[in-house]
Amino acid sequence: MTTVLPDTEVGPLLRDWREQRRISQLELALRADSSARHISFIETGRSRPSEDMVLRLAEQLDIPVRERNALLVIAGYAPRYPQTSLDDPAMASLRESLERLLAAYEPYPALVVDGTYGVVAANRGVALLLEGVPEKLLTPPLNAMRLTLHPEGLAPRILNLPEWRADLLAQMDRQIALVRSPALRELYDEVAAYPAPARADGTDRTAPGAGGAVPAADRADGAGRERDRDRATAFALPMLLEHGGRVLSFVSSIATFNTPMDVTVAELAIETFLPADRETAAYLHAHVPS
């Protein structure tokens, strides 16, 4: 949960969110059907915002649902959004829908994570990629960042680890700035400190230029050359993953729920991995059980 300090005031917090979004007081006032003078009074503590005003400002500033609850409490109001466990019977339809979505995406990998990258659900495509990962990393609760960046997880198999690792850490850093979560900060510090696994030839995988190497056997035939051409025209940073003596190439996409009314649902993210070439797609169709 978000930590709220006893002496925190709602006005300065709203000002911080406005400045983070790079919106002027006048622009925010126009969006929230208020006045720049009233916004100024709220931010300096000269005026106490109503519950409706806190919610309107939070909406216009695109403040995460969990943080909206915190702002309401600081302003002296009750939290508006519940936080319901996914194990609650009320979430049964959501769980079933997520499972159907993940199954429909097979044989391509897809998983659902929570606000700290805990794995809520995953399909058989993900299970295939995790083959060979030590049991200690697969013991619940699973964490997607640990599985990916741990030196005994997927990291040794990711050929472009420097680029992929930098992208994941930047993603977490942006999220920390948005939600100000101590748990997420702790996770970031942990995975950022993992030692980089060495390549089979002894080179450091975080070294510049070490990420794009492809085994000679994969480059030798026409399929390897076509794969190289496909990568050269990639429309997004791919993850190049060694598996079963082959190099699989994926492009990741993340989806969230529109207008969530529950903290738990607001923090869920569905990550899917789209094959970036025909060889990867064919391999998954051949090896993921139908």
C-alpha atoms as a PDB file:
ATOM      1  CA  MET A   1       0.000   0.000   0.000  1.00  0.00           C
ATOM      2  CA  THR A   2       1.021   3.624  -0.471  1.00  0.00           C
ATOM      3  CA  THR A   3       2.684   5.108   2.604  1.00  0.00           C
ATOM      4  CA  VAL A   4       1.060   8.329   3.839  1.00  0.00           C
ATOM      5  CA  LEU A   5       3.109  10.457   6.224  1.00  0.00           C
ATOM      6  CA  PRO A   6       1.130  12.031   9.124  1.00  0.00           C
ATOM      7  CA  ASP A   7       2.181  15.596   8.255  1.00  0.00           C
ATOM      8  CA  THR A   8       1.489  15.263   4.529  1.00  0.00           C
ATOM      9  CA  GLU A   9      -0.943  17.788   3.056  1.00  0.00           C
ATOM     10  CA  VAL A  10      -3.061  17.238  -0.023  1.00  0.00           C
ATOM     11  CA  GLY A  11      -2.258  20.604  -1.651  1.00  0.00           C
ATOM     12  CA  PRO A  12       1.506  20.095  -2.108  1.00  0.00           C
ATOM     13  CA  LEU A  13       0.903  16.541  -3.300  1.00  0.00           C
ATOM     14  CA  LEU A  14      -1.516  17.742  -5.969  1.00  0.00           C
ATOM     15  CA  ARG A  15       1.019  20.398  -6.971  1.00  0.00           C
ATOM     16  CA  ASP A  16       3.711  17.707  -7.293  1.00  0.00           C
ATOM     17  CA  TRP A  17       1.443  15.645  -9.547  1.00  0.00           C
ATOM     18  CA  ARG A  18       0.615  18.711 -11.673  1.00  0.00           C
ATOM     19  CA  GLU A  19       4.277  19.614 -12.083  1.00  0.00           C
ATOM     20  CA  GLN A  20       5.152  16.021 -12.901  1.00  0.00           C
ATOM     21  CA  ARG A  21       2.533  16.113 -15.657  1.00  0.00           C
ATOM     22  CA  ARG A  22       3.890  19.503 -16.804  1.00  0.00           C
ATOM     23  CA  ILE A  23       0.494  21.167 -16.669  1.00  0.00           C
ATOM     24  CA  SER A  24      -0.014  24.790 -15.622  1.00  0.00           C
ATOM     25  CA  GLN A  25      -2.499  25.805 -12.953  1.00  0.00           C
ATOM     26  CA  LEU A  26      -4.595  27.518 -15.622  1.00  0.00           C
ATOM     27  CA  GLU A  27      -4.698  24.454 -17.851  1.00  0.00           C
ATOM     28  CA  LEU A  28      -5.625  22.210 -14.932  1.00  0.00           C
ATOM     29  CA  ALA A  29      -8.325  24.650 -13.859  1.00  0.00           C
ATOM     30  CA  LEU A  30      -9.858  24.638 -17.334  1.00  0.00           C
ATOM     31  CA  ARG A  31      -9.825  20.854 -17.451  1.00  0.00           C
ATOM     32  CA  ALA A  32     -11.375  20.533 -13.990  1.00  0.00           C
ATOM     33  CA  ASP A  33     -13.974  23.299 -14.515  1.00  0.00           C
ATOM     34  CA  SER A  34     -12.417  25.478 -11.830  1.00  0.00           C
ATOM     35  CA  SER A  35     -10.246  28.604 -11.673  1.00  0.00           C
ATOM     36  CA  ALA A  36      -6.489  29.051 -11.529  1.00  0.00           C
ATOM     37  CA  ARG A  37      -6.965  31.040  -8.315  1.00  0.00           C
ATOM     38  CA  HIS A  38      -8.811  28.146  -6.661  1.00  0.00           C
ATOM     39  CA  ILE A  39      -6.143  25.661  -7.804  1.00  0.00           C
ATOM     40  CA  SER A  40      -3.469  27.942  -6.364  1.00  0.00           C
ATOM     41  CA  PHE A  41      -5.339  28.177  -3.041  1.00  0.00           C
ATOM     42  CA  ILE A  42      -5.633  24.363  -2.883  1.00  0.00           C
ATOM     43  CA  GLU A  43      -1.945  23.817  -3.620  1.00  0.00           C
ATOM     44  CA  THR A  44      -0.804  26.347  -1.006  1.00  0.00           C
ATOM     45  CA  GLY A  45      -3.188  25.036   1.642  1.00  0.00           C
ATOM     46  CA  ARG A  46      -5.317  28.198   1.772  1.00  0.00           C
ATOM     47  CA  SER A  47      -8.353  26.216   0.588  1.00  0.00           C
ATOM     48  CA  ARG A  48      -9.444  22.680   1.450  1.00  0.00           C
ATOM     49  CA  PRO A  49     -10.644  20.837  -1.672  1.00  0.00           C
ATOM     50  CA  SER A  50     -13.960  19.030  -1.604  1.00  0.00           C
ATOM     51  CA  GLU A  51     -14.042  15.278  -2.173  1.00  0.00           C
ATOM     52  CA  ASP A  52     -15.411  15.848  -5.665  1.00  0.00           C
ATOM     53  CA  MET A  53     -12.610  18.330  -6.441  1.00  0.00           C
ATOM     54  CA  VAL A  54      -9.919  15.886  -5.312  1.00  0.00           C
ATOM     55  CA  LEU A  55     -11.375  13.240  -7.618  1.00  0.00           C
ATOM     56  CA  ARG A  56     -11.745  15.680 -10.529  1.00  0.00           C
ATOM     57  CA  LEU A  57      -8.154  16.865 -10.207  1.00  0.00           C
ATOM     58  CA  ALA A  58      -6.904  13.299  -9.867  1.00  0.00           C
ATOM     59  CA  GLU A  59      -8.780  12.337 -13.019  1.00  0.00           C
ATOM     60  CA  GLN A  60      -7.368  15.232 -15.028  1.00  0.00           C
ATOM     61  CA  LEU A  61      -3.850  14.499 -13.750  1.00  0.00           C
ATOM     62  CA  ASP A  62      -4.206  10.806 -14.572  1.00  0.00           C
ATOM     63  CA  ILE A  63      -3.216   9.826 -11.034  1.00  0.00           C
ATOM     64  CA  PRO A  64      -3.213   6.050 -10.396  1.00  0.00           C
ATOM     65  CA  VAL A  65      -6.204   4.679  -8.502  1.00  0.00           C
ATOM     66  CA  ARG A  66      -4.160   3.676  -5.447  1.00  0.00           C
ATOM     67  CA  GLU A  67      -2.756   7.195  -5.189  1.00  0.00           C
ATOM     68  CA  ARG A  68      -6.235   8.690  -5.536  1.00  0.00           C
ATOM     69  CA  ASN A  69      -7.257   6.798  -2.419  1.00  0.00           C
ATOM     70  CA  ALA A  70      -4.213   8.195  -0.623  1.00  0.00           C
ATOM     71  CA  LEU A  71      -5.092  11.758  -1.665  1.00  0.00           C
ATOM     72  CA  LEU A  72      -8.651  11.322  -0.412  1.00  0.00           C
ATOM     73  CA  VAL A  73      -7.438  10.060   2.972  1.00  0.00           C
ATOM     74  CA  ILE A  74      -4.963  12.927   3.310  1.00  0.00           C
ATOM     75  CA  ALA A  75      -7.733  15.401   2.456  1.00  0.00           C
ATOM     76  CA  GLY A  76      -9.906  13.908   5.220  1.00  0.00           C
ATOM     77  CA  TYR A  77     -12.213  11.709   3.147  1.00  0.00           C
ATOM     78  CA  ALA A  78     -12.797   7.963   2.911  1.00  0.00           C
ATOM     79  CA  PRO A  79     -11.062   5.985   0.161  1.00  0.00           C
ATOM     80  CA  ARG A  80     -13.258   5.681  -2.922  1.00  0.00           C
ATOM     81  CA  TYR A  81     -11.766   2.613  -4.616  1.00  0.00           C
ATOM     82  CA  PRO A  82     -11.752  -0.854  -3.024  1.00  0.00           C
ATOM     83  CA  GLN A  83      -8.843  -3.269  -3.247  1.00  0.00           C
ATOM     84  CA  THR A  84     -10.270  -6.738  -3.785  1.00  0.00           C
ATOM     85  CA  SER A  85      -8.113  -9.852  -3.731  1.00  0.00           C
ATOM     86  CA  LEU A  86      -8.126 -11.842  -6.949  1.00  0.00           C
ATOM     87  CA  ASP A  87      -9.052 -14.867  -4.820  1.00  0.00           C
ATOM     88  CA  ASP A  88     -12.289 -13.181  -3.785  1.00  0.00           C
ATOM     89  CA  PRO A  89     -15.448 -14.771  -5.263  1.00  0.00           C
ATOM     90  CA  ALA A  90     -16.366 -11.359  -6.664  1.00  0.00           C
ATOM     91  CA  MET A  91     -13.336 -11.626  -8.960  1.00  0.00           C
ATOM     92  CA  ALA A  92     -14.298 -15.040 -10.384  1.00  0.00           C
ATOM     93  CA  SER A  93     -15.468 -13.659 -13.730  1.00  0.00           C
ATOM     94  CA  LEU A  94     -12.306 -11.579 -14.085  1.00  0.00           C
ATOM     95  CA  ARG A  95     -10.080 -14.584 -13.359  1.00  0.00           C
ATOM     96  CA  GLU A  96     -11.968 -16.707 -15.884  1.00  0.00           C
ATOM     97  CA  SER A  97     -11.719 -13.998 -18.527  1.00  0.00           C
ATOM     98  CA  LEU A  98      -7.977 -13.651 -18.007  1.00  0.00           C
ATOM     99  CA  GLU A  99      -7.481 -17.409 -18.261  1.00  0.00           C
ATOM    100  CA  ARG A 100      -9.491 -17.509 -21.503  1.00  0.00           C
ATOM    101  CA  LEU A 101      -7.463 -14.638 -22.925  1.00  0.00           C
ATOM    102  CA  LEU A 102      -4.134 -16.304 -22.088  1.00  0.00           C
ATOM    103  CA  ALA A 103      -5.290 -19.639 -23.510  1.00  0.00           C
ATOM    104  CA  ALA A 104      -6.526 -17.973 -26.706  1.00  0.00           C
ATOM    105  CA  TYR A 105      -3.096 -16.401 -27.249  1.00  0.00           C
ATOM    106  CA  GLU A 106      -1.338 -19.789 -27.238  1.00  0.00           C
ATOM    107  CA  PRO A 107       1.017 -20.986 -28.550  1.00  0.00           C
ATOM    108  CA  TYR A 108       2.490 -17.500 -28.128  1.00  0.00           C
ATOM    109  CA  PRO A 109       3.631 -16.566 -24.585  1.00  0.00           C
ATOM    110  CA  ALA A 110       1.409 -14.329 -22.455  1.00  0.00           C
ATOM    111  CA  LEU A 111       1.130 -13.591 -18.737  1.00  0.00           C
ATOM    112  CA  VAL A 112      -0.652 -11.332 -16.259  1.00  0.00           C
ATOM    113  CA  VAL A 113       1.310  -9.417 -13.608  1.00  0.00           C
ATOM    114  CA  ASP A 114       0.329  -7.189 -10.710  1.00  0.00           C
ATOM    115  CA  GLY A 115       1.716  -3.801  -9.698  1.00  0.00           C
ATOM    116  CA  THR A 116       5.015  -5.255  -8.469  1.00  0.00           C
ATOM    117  CA  TYR A 117       5.396  -7.693 -11.395  1.00  0.00           C
ATOM    118  CA  GLY A 118       4.118 -10.662  -9.432  1.00  0.00           C
ATOM    119  CA  VAL A 119       2.908 -13.290 -11.910  1.00  0.00           C
ATOM    120  CA  VAL A 120      -0.854 -13.729 -11.501  1.00  0.00           C
ATOM    121  CA  ALA A 121      -1.334 -16.147 -14.406  1.00  0.00           C
ATOM    122  CA  ALA A 122       0.630 -17.413 -17.403  1.00  0.00           C
ATOM    123  CA  ASN A 123      -0.015 -19.659 -20.378  1.00  0.00           C
ATOM    124  CA  ARG A 124       1.840 -22.677 -21.782  1.00  0.00           C
ATOM    125  CA  GLY A 125       3.900 -20.494 -24.100  1.00  0.00           C
ATOM    126  CA  VAL A 126       5.517 -18.907 -21.058  1.00  0.00           C
ATOM    127  CA  ALA A 127       6.011 -22.347 -19.484  1.00  0.00           C
ATOM    128  CA  LEU A 128       7.963 -23.433 -22.566  1.00  0.00           C
ATOM    129  CA  LEU A 129      10.352 -20.481 -22.305  1.00  0.00           C
ATOM    130  CA  LEU A 130      10.922 -21.165 -18.588  1.00  0.00           C
ATOM    131  CA  GLU A 131      12.076 -24.727 -19.151  1.00  0.00           C
ATOM    132  CA  GLY A 132      15.396 -25.253 -17.393  1.00  0.00           C
ATOM    133  CA  VAL A 133      15.013 -22.328 -14.980  1.00  0.00           C
ATOM    134  CA  PRO A 134      15.967 -23.462 -11.431  1.00  0.00           C
ATOM    135  CA  GLU A 135      13.070 -24.521  -9.217  1.00  0.00           C
ATOM    136  CA  LYS A 136      13.918 -21.893  -6.600  1.00  0.00           C
ATOM    137  CA  LEU A 137      12.962 -19.169  -9.081  1.00  0.00           C
ATOM    138  CA  LEU A 138       9.749 -20.975 -10.034  1.00  0.00           C
ATOM    139  CA  THR A 139       8.499 -21.343  -6.470  1.00  0.00           C
ATOM    140  CA  PRO A 140       5.506 -19.038  -5.812  1.00  0.00           C
ATOM    141  CA  PRO A 141       5.238 -16.149  -5.573  1.00  0.00           C
ATOM    142  CA  LEU A 142       6.727 -15.788  -9.046  1.00  0.00           C
ATOM    143  CA  ASN A 143       8.048 -12.413 -10.121  1.00  0.00           C
ATOM    144  CA  ALA A 144       8.467 -11.586 -13.805  1.00  0.00           C
ATOM    145  CA  MET A 145      11.398  -9.213 -13.272  1.00  0.00           C
ATOM    146  CA  ARG A 146      13.313 -11.742 -11.179  1.00  0.00           C
ATOM    147  CA  LEU A 147      12.646 -14.522 -13.692  1.00  0.00           C
ATOM    148  CA  THR A 148      13.890 -12.331 -16.527  1.00  0.00           C
ATOM    149  CA  LEU A 149      16.933 -10.617 -15.007  1.00  0.00           C
ATOM    150  CA  HIS A 150      18.208 -13.113 -12.425  1.00  0.00           C
ATOM    151  CA  PRO A 151      21.589 -14.593 -13.501  1.00  0.00           C
ATOM    152  CA  GLU A 152      20.068 -18.064 -13.086  1.00  0.00           C
ATOM    153  CA  GLY A 153      16.826 -17.144 -14.802  1.00  0.00           C
ATOM    154  CA  LEU A 154      16.289 -16.117 -18.424  1.00  0.00           C
ATOM    155  CA  ALA A 155      19.128 -13.553 -18.434  1.00  0.00           C
ATOM    156  CA  PRO A 156      21.873 -15.971 -19.589  1.00  0.00           C
ATOM    157  CA  ARG A 157      19.706 -16.907 -22.585  1.00  0.00           C
ATOM    158  CA  ILE A 158      18.833 -13.364 -23.690  1.00  0.00           C
ATOM    159  CA  LEU A 159      21.290 -12.529 -26.469  1.00  0.00           C
ATOM    160  CA  ASN A 160      20.585  -8.794 -26.397  1.00  0.00           C
ATOM    161  CA  LEU A 161      20.509  -8.621 -22.591  1.00  0.00           C
ATOM    162  CA  PRO A 162      22.103  -5.140 -22.274  1.00  0.00           C
ATOM    163  CA  GLU A 163      19.361  -3.516 -24.365  1.00  0.00           C
ATOM    164  CA  TRP A 164      16.533  -5.577 -22.895  1.00  0.00           C
ATOM    165  CA  ARG A 165      17.734  -5.104 -19.299  1.00  0.00           C
ATOM    166  CA  ALA A 166      18.073  -1.337 -19.778  1.00  0.00           C
ATOM    167  CA  ASP A 167      14.547  -1.168 -21.203  1.00  0.00           C
ATOM    168  CA  LEU A 168      13.050  -3.131 -18.283  1.00  0.00           C
ATOM    169  CA  LEU A 169      14.855  -1.060 -15.657  1.00  0.00           C
ATOM    170  CA  ALA A 170      13.746   2.160 -17.357  1.00  0.00           C
ATOM    171  CA  GLN A 171      10.170   0.855 -17.375  1.00  0.00           C
ATOM    172  CA  MET A 172      10.346   0.168 -13.638  1.00  0.00           C
ATOM    173  CA  ASP A 173      11.918   3.564 -12.973  1.00  0.00           C
ATOM    174  CA  ARG A 174       9.062   5.328 -14.760  1.00  0.00           C
ATOM    175  CA  GLN A 175       6.538   3.302 -12.794  1.00  0.00           C
ATOM    176  CA  ILE A 176       8.226   4.123  -9.473  1.00  0.00           C
ATOM    177  CA  ALA A 177       8.001   7.833 -10.278  1.00  0.00           C
ATOM    178  CA  LEU A 178       4.304   7.377 -11.008  1.00  0.00           C
ATOM    179  CA  VAL A 179       3.126   5.218  -8.103  1.00  0.00           C
ATOM    180  CA  ARG A 180       5.832   5.902  -5.489  1.00  0.00           C
ATOM    181  CA  SER A 181       5.725   2.304  -4.254  1.00  0.00           C
ATOM    182  CA  PRO A 182       8.324   1.242  -1.640  1.00  0.00           C
ATOM    183  CA  ALA A 183       7.835  -2.405  -2.660  1.00  0.00           C
ATOM    184  CA  LEU A 184       8.525  -1.569  -6.296  1.00  0.00           C
ATOM    185  CA  ARG A 185      11.600   0.458  -5.344  1.00  0.00           C
ATOM    186  CA  GLU A 186      12.894  -2.494  -3.314  1.00  0.00           C
ATOM    187  CA  LEU A 187      12.369  -4.812  -6.294  1.00  0.00           C
ATOM    188  CA  TYR A 188      14.151  -2.358  -8.600  1.00  0.00           C
ATOM    189  CA  ASP A 189      17.160  -2.145  -6.277  1.00  0.00           C
ATOM    190  CA  GLU A 190      17.296  -5.944  -6.117  1.00  0.00           C
ATOM    191  CA  VAL A 191      17.170  -6.703  -9.845  1.00  0.00           C
ATOM    192  CA  ALA A 192      19.376  -3.740 -10.814  1.00  0.00           C
ATOM    193  CA  ALA A 193      22.089  -5.187  -8.559  1.00  0.00           C
ATOM    194  CA  TYR A 194      22.058  -8.641 -10.145  1.00  0.00           C
ATOM    195  CA  PRO A 195      25.457  -9.495 -11.636  1.00  0.00           C
ATOM    196  CA  ALA A 196      25.352  -9.833 -15.393  1.00  0.00           C
ATOM    197  CA  PRO A 197      25.774 -13.459 -16.513  1.00  0.00           C
ATOM    198  CA  ALA A 198      28.795 -14.166 -18.678  1.00  0.00           C
ATOM    199  CA  ARG A 199      28.396 -15.507 -22.196  1.00  0.00           C
ATOM    200  CA  ALA A 200      29.657 -18.957 -23.055  1.00  0.00           C
ATOM    201  CA  ASP A 201      32.756 -17.330 -24.604  1.00  0.00           C
ATOM    202  CA  GLY A 202      33.471 -15.531 -21.322  1.00  0.00           C
ATOM    203  CA  THR A 203      32.437 -12.026 -22.418  1.00  0.00           C
ATOM    204  CA  ASP A 204      30.235  -9.831 -20.250  1.00  0.00           C
ATOM    205  CA  ARG A 205      26.668  -9.631 -21.549  1.00  0.00           C
ATOM    206  CA  THR A 206      26.328  -6.044 -20.399  1.00  0.00           C
ATOM    207  CA  ALA A 207      29.279  -4.982 -22.528  1.00  0.00           C
ATOM    208  CA  PRO A 208      28.394  -2.772 -25.515  1.00  0.00           C
ATOM    209  CA  GLY A 209      27.960  -4.827 -28.639  1.00  0.00           C
ATOM    210  CA  ALA A 210      27.564  -8.106 -26.740  1.00  0.00           C
ATOM    211  CA  GLY A 211      23.807  -8.218 -27.099  1.00  0.00           C
ATOM    212  CA  GLY A 212      23.214  -8.962 -30.748  1.00  0.00           C
ATOM    213  CA  ALA A 213      25.394 -12.028 -31.239  1.00  0.00           C
ATOM    214  CA  VAL A 214      23.726 -15.000 -32.914  1.00  0.00           C
ATOM    215  CA  PRO A 215      25.215 -18.518 -32.840  1.00  0.00           C
ATOM    216  CA  ALA A 216      27.105 -19.380 -36.013  1.00  0.00           C
ATOM    217  CA  ALA A 217      24.878 -22.398 -36.610  1.00  0.00           C
ATOM    218  CA  ASP A 218      21.859 -20.098 -36.753  1.00  0.00           C
ATOM    219  CA  ARG A 219      23.538 -17.745 -39.231  1.00  0.00           C
ATOM    220  CA  ALA A 220      24.826 -20.480 -41.494  1.00  0.00           C
ATOM    221  CA  ASP A 221      21.638 -21.323 -43.344  1.00  0.00           C
ATOM    222  CA  GLY A 222      19.145 -19.232 -45.284  1.00  0.00           C
ATOM    223  CA  ALA A 223      16.721 -19.093 -42.379  1.00  0.00           C
ATOM    224  CA  GLY A 224      19.401 -17.458 -40.253  1.00  0.00           C
ATOM    225  CA  ARG A 225      20.125 -14.850 -42.909  1.00  0.00           C
ATOM    226  CA  GLU A 226      16.427 -14.119 -43.324  1.00  0.00           C
ATOM    227  CA  ARG A 227      16.122 -13.764 -39.543  1.00  0.00           C
ATOM    228  CA  ASP A 228      18.943 -11.226 -39.562  1.00  0.00           C
ATOM    229  CA  ARG A 229      17.137  -9.206 -42.242  1.00  0.00           C
ATOM    230  CA  ASP A 230      13.908  -9.342 -40.241  1.00  0.00           C
ATOM    231  CA  ARG A 231      15.717  -8.044 -37.174  1.00  0.00           C
ATOM    232  CA  ALA A 232      17.246  -5.204 -39.119  1.00  0.00           C
ATOM    233  CA  THR A 233      13.759  -3.942 -39.964  1.00  0.00           C
ATOM    234  CA  ALA A 234      12.219  -4.625 -36.544  1.00  0.00           C
ATOM    235  CA  PHE A 235       9.540  -2.105 -35.538  1.00  0.00           C
ATOM    236  CA  ALA A 236      10.275  -2.480 -31.803  1.00  0.00           C
ATOM    237  CA  LEU A 237      13.107  -3.743 -29.623  1.00  0.00           C
ATOM    238  CA  PRO A 238      12.930  -7.547 -29.807  1.00  0.00           C
ATOM    239  CA  MET A 239      13.951  -9.994 -27.113  1.00  0.00           C
ATOM    240  CA  LEU A 240      16.350 -12.523 -28.647  1.00  0.00           C
ATOM    241  CA  LEU A 241      16.162 -15.684 -26.579  1.00  0.00           C
ATOM    242  CA  GLU A 242      18.133 -18.894 -26.931  1.00  0.00           C
ATOM    243  CA  HIS A 243      15.912 -21.955 -26.558  1.00  0.00           C
ATOM    244  CA  GLY A 244      16.446 -25.532 -27.635  1.00  0.00           C
ATOM    245  CA  GLY A 245      19.475 -24.634 -29.720  1.00  0.00           C
ATOM    246  CA  ARG A 246      17.538 -21.940 -31.606  1.00  0.00           C
ATOM    247  CA  VAL A 247      17.224 -18.187 -31.355  1.00  0.00           C
ATOM    248  CA  LEU A 248      13.643 -17.055 -30.769  1.00  0.00           C
ATOM    249  CA  SER A 249      12.703 -13.434 -31.393  1.00  0.00           C
ATOM    250  CA  PHE A 250       9.800 -11.696 -29.613  1.00  0.00           C
ATOM    251  CA  VAL A 251       8.253  -8.241 -29.471  1.00  0.00           C
ATOM    252  CA  SER A 252       6.493  -7.455 -26.191  1.00  0.00           C
ATOM    253  CA  SER A 253       3.212  -5.610 -25.763  1.00  0.00           C
ATOM    254  CA  ILE A 254       1.475  -4.574 -22.512  1.00  0.00           C
ATOM    255  CA  ALA A 255      -2.270  -3.949 -21.997  1.00  0.00           C
ATOM    256  CA  THR A 256      -4.163  -2.615 -18.978  1.00  0.00           C
ATOM    257  CA  PHE A 257      -7.834  -2.139 -18.103  1.00  0.00           C
ATOM    258  CA  ASN A 258      -9.698   1.025 -19.093  1.00  0.00           C
ATOM    259  CA  THR A 259     -11.327   3.038 -16.277  1.00  0.00           C
ATOM    260  CA  PRO A 260     -10.674   0.519 -13.460  1.00  0.00           C
ATOM    261  CA  MET A 261     -12.773   0.954 -10.303  1.00  0.00           C
ATOM    262  CA  ASP A 262     -10.688  -1.347  -8.090  1.00  0.00           C
ATOM    263  CA  VAL A 263      -7.046  -0.919  -7.036  1.00  0.00           C
ATOM    264  CA  THR A 264      -6.209  -4.550  -7.792  1.00  0.00           C
ATOM    265  CA  VAL A 265      -7.656  -4.397 -11.301  1.00  0.00           C
ATOM    266  CA  ALA A 266      -6.013  -1.023 -11.965  1.00  0.00           C
ATOM    267  CA  GLU A 267      -2.581  -2.515 -11.328  1.00  0.00           C
ATOM    268  CA  LEU A 268      -2.980  -5.630 -13.476  1.00  0.00           C
ATOM    269  CA  ALA A 269      -1.083  -5.738 -16.763  1.00  0.00           C
ATOM    270  CA  ILE A 270      -1.332  -8.327 -19.535  1.00  0.00           C
ATOM    271  CA  GLU A 271       1.986  -8.831 -21.313  1.00  0.00           C
ATOM    272  CA  THR A 272       2.017 -10.704 -24.598  1.00  0.00           C
ATOM    273  CA  PHE A 273       4.998 -11.771 -26.684  1.00  0.00           C
ATOM    274  CA  LEU A 274       4.480 -11.612 -30.429  1.00  0.00           C
ATOM    275  CA  PRO A 275       6.858 -13.668 -32.604  1.00  0.00           C
ATOM    276  CA  ALA A 276       9.059 -11.238 -34.520  1.00  0.00           C
ATOM    277  CA  ASP A 277       9.761 -13.692 -37.352  1.00  0.00           C
ATOM    278  CA  ARG A 278       8.234 -16.712 -39.042  1.00  0.00           C
ATOM    279  CA  GLU A 279      10.787 -19.133 -37.578  1.00  0.00           C
ATOM    280  CA  THR A 280       9.831 -18.222 -34.007  1.00  0.00           C
ATOM    281  CA  ALA A 281       6.127 -18.600 -34.783  1.00  0.00           C
ATOM    282  CA  ALA A 282       6.689 -22.008 -36.379  1.00  0.00           C
ATOM    283  CA  TYR A 283       8.791 -23.181 -33.435  1.00  0.00           C
ATOM    284  CA  LEU A 284       6.097 -22.238 -30.915  1.00  0.00           C
ATOM    285  CA  HIS A 285       3.365 -23.929 -32.945  1.00  0.00           C
ATOM    286  CA  ALA A 286       5.473 -27.102 -33.019  1.00  0.00           C
ATOM    287  CA  HIS A 287       6.488 -27.170 -29.343  1.00  0.00           C
ATOM    288  CA  VAL A 288       3.649 -25.663 -27.262  1.00  0.00           C
ATOM    289  CA  PRO A 289       1.011 -28.358 -26.536  1.00  0.00           C
ATOM    290  CA  SER A 290      -2.364 -27.610 -28.101  1.00  0.00           C
END
